Amino acid sequence: MASGQDVGVYGHGGHTGKHRMLYRKEAAEAMQIDWMKRDEMSQAIPPAYTEWVGRHLLAYLQKAL
């Protein structure tokens, strides 16, 4: 998948407007989640984003202490 391309992992896949919704295999690759069904991925927070939030939270908490 080309980087910088707007994609969506929601609904049941396909095309809608200017955004292209991903199908299961593409969604799994984009979100780095290979253990979920497509509909489950549409509700998931990607592990890479969770890690990013966690790192920023740790940095903030370390400054606060």
Protein backbone atom coordinates (compact mmCIF):
# COMPACT_ATOMS: atom_id res chain seq x y z
CA MET A 1 0.00 0.00 0.00
CA ALA A 2 1.33 3.43 -0.88
CA SER A 3 2.21 5.56 2.12
CA GLY A 4 0.31 8.80 2.49
CA GLN A 5 -2.82 7.34 0.92
CA ASP A 6 -6.02 8.01 2.87
CA VAL A 7 -7.64 4.75 3.81
CA GLY A 8 -10.36 3.70 6.20
CA VAL A 9 -10.80 0.54 8.20
CA TYR A 10 -14.52 0.69 8.90
CA GLY A 11 -17.72 -0.75 7.57
CA HIS A 12 -17.42 -3.79 5.31
CA GLY A 13 -14.76 -2.64 2.83
CA GLY A 14 -15.11 -1.14 -0.65
CA HIS A 15 -15.05 2.39 -2.02
CA THR A 16 -16.87 5.43 -0.72
CA GLY A 17 -16.27 9.01 -1.78
CA LYS A 18 -12.62 10.06 -1.80
CA HIS A 19 -11.49 7.46 0.76
CA ARG A 20 -10.87 3.85 -0.07
CA MET A 21 -11.94 1.43 2.63
CA LEU A 22 -9.63 -1.53 2.99
CA TYR A 23 -10.50 -5.18 2.71
CA ARG A 24 -9.43 -7.67 5.39
CA LYS A 25 -5.92 -8.48 4.09
CA GLU A 26 -5.10 -4.82 3.40
CA ALA A 27 -6.57 -3.67 6.72
CA ALA A 28 -4.52 -6.26 8.60
CA GLU A 29 -1.34 -5.01 6.93
CA ALA A 30 -2.12 -1.32 7.39
CA MET A 31 -3.03 -1.69 11.06
CA GLN A 32 -0.46 -4.38 11.85
CA ILE A 33 -3.25 -6.56 13.22
CA ASP A 34 -3.41 -10.05 11.73
CA TRP A 35 -5.43 -11.85 14.41
CA MET A 36 -8.79 -10.09 13.99
CA LYS A 37 -11.68 -10.39 11.60
CA ARG A 38 -12.39 -7.40 9.31
CA ASP A 39 -15.38 -6.19 11.34
CA GLU A 40 -13.34 -6.41 14.56
CA MET A 41 -10.56 -4.32 12.99
CA SER A 42 -13.07 -1.59 12.20
CA GLN A 43 -13.41 -1.06 15.97
CA ALA A 44 -9.74 -1.54 16.92
CA ILE A 45 -7.04 0.89 17.94
CA PRO A 46 -3.88 -0.02 15.97
CA PRO A 47 -1.02 -1.33 18.13
CA ALA A 48 1.39 1.24 16.64
CA TYR A 49 -0.89 4.10 17.77
CA THR A 50 -1.32 2.54 21.21
CA GLU A 51 2.47 2.37 21.54
CA TRP A 52 2.81 6.02 20.45
CA VAL A 53 0.26 7.15 23.04
CA GLY A 54 1.96 5.02 25.72
CA ARG A 55 5.40 6.49 25.01
CA HIS A 56 4.05 10.03 25.27
CA LEU A 57 2.19 9.20 28.48
CA LEU A 58 5.36 7.73 30.03
CA ALA A 59 7.40 10.78 29.03
CA TYR A 60 4.77 13.08 30.53
CA LEU A 61 4.59 11.10 33.77
CA GLN A 62 8.38 11.03 34.10
CA LYS A 63 8.48 14.83 33.83
CA ALA A 64 5.69 15.16 36.40
CA LEU A 65 7.54 13.11 39.01
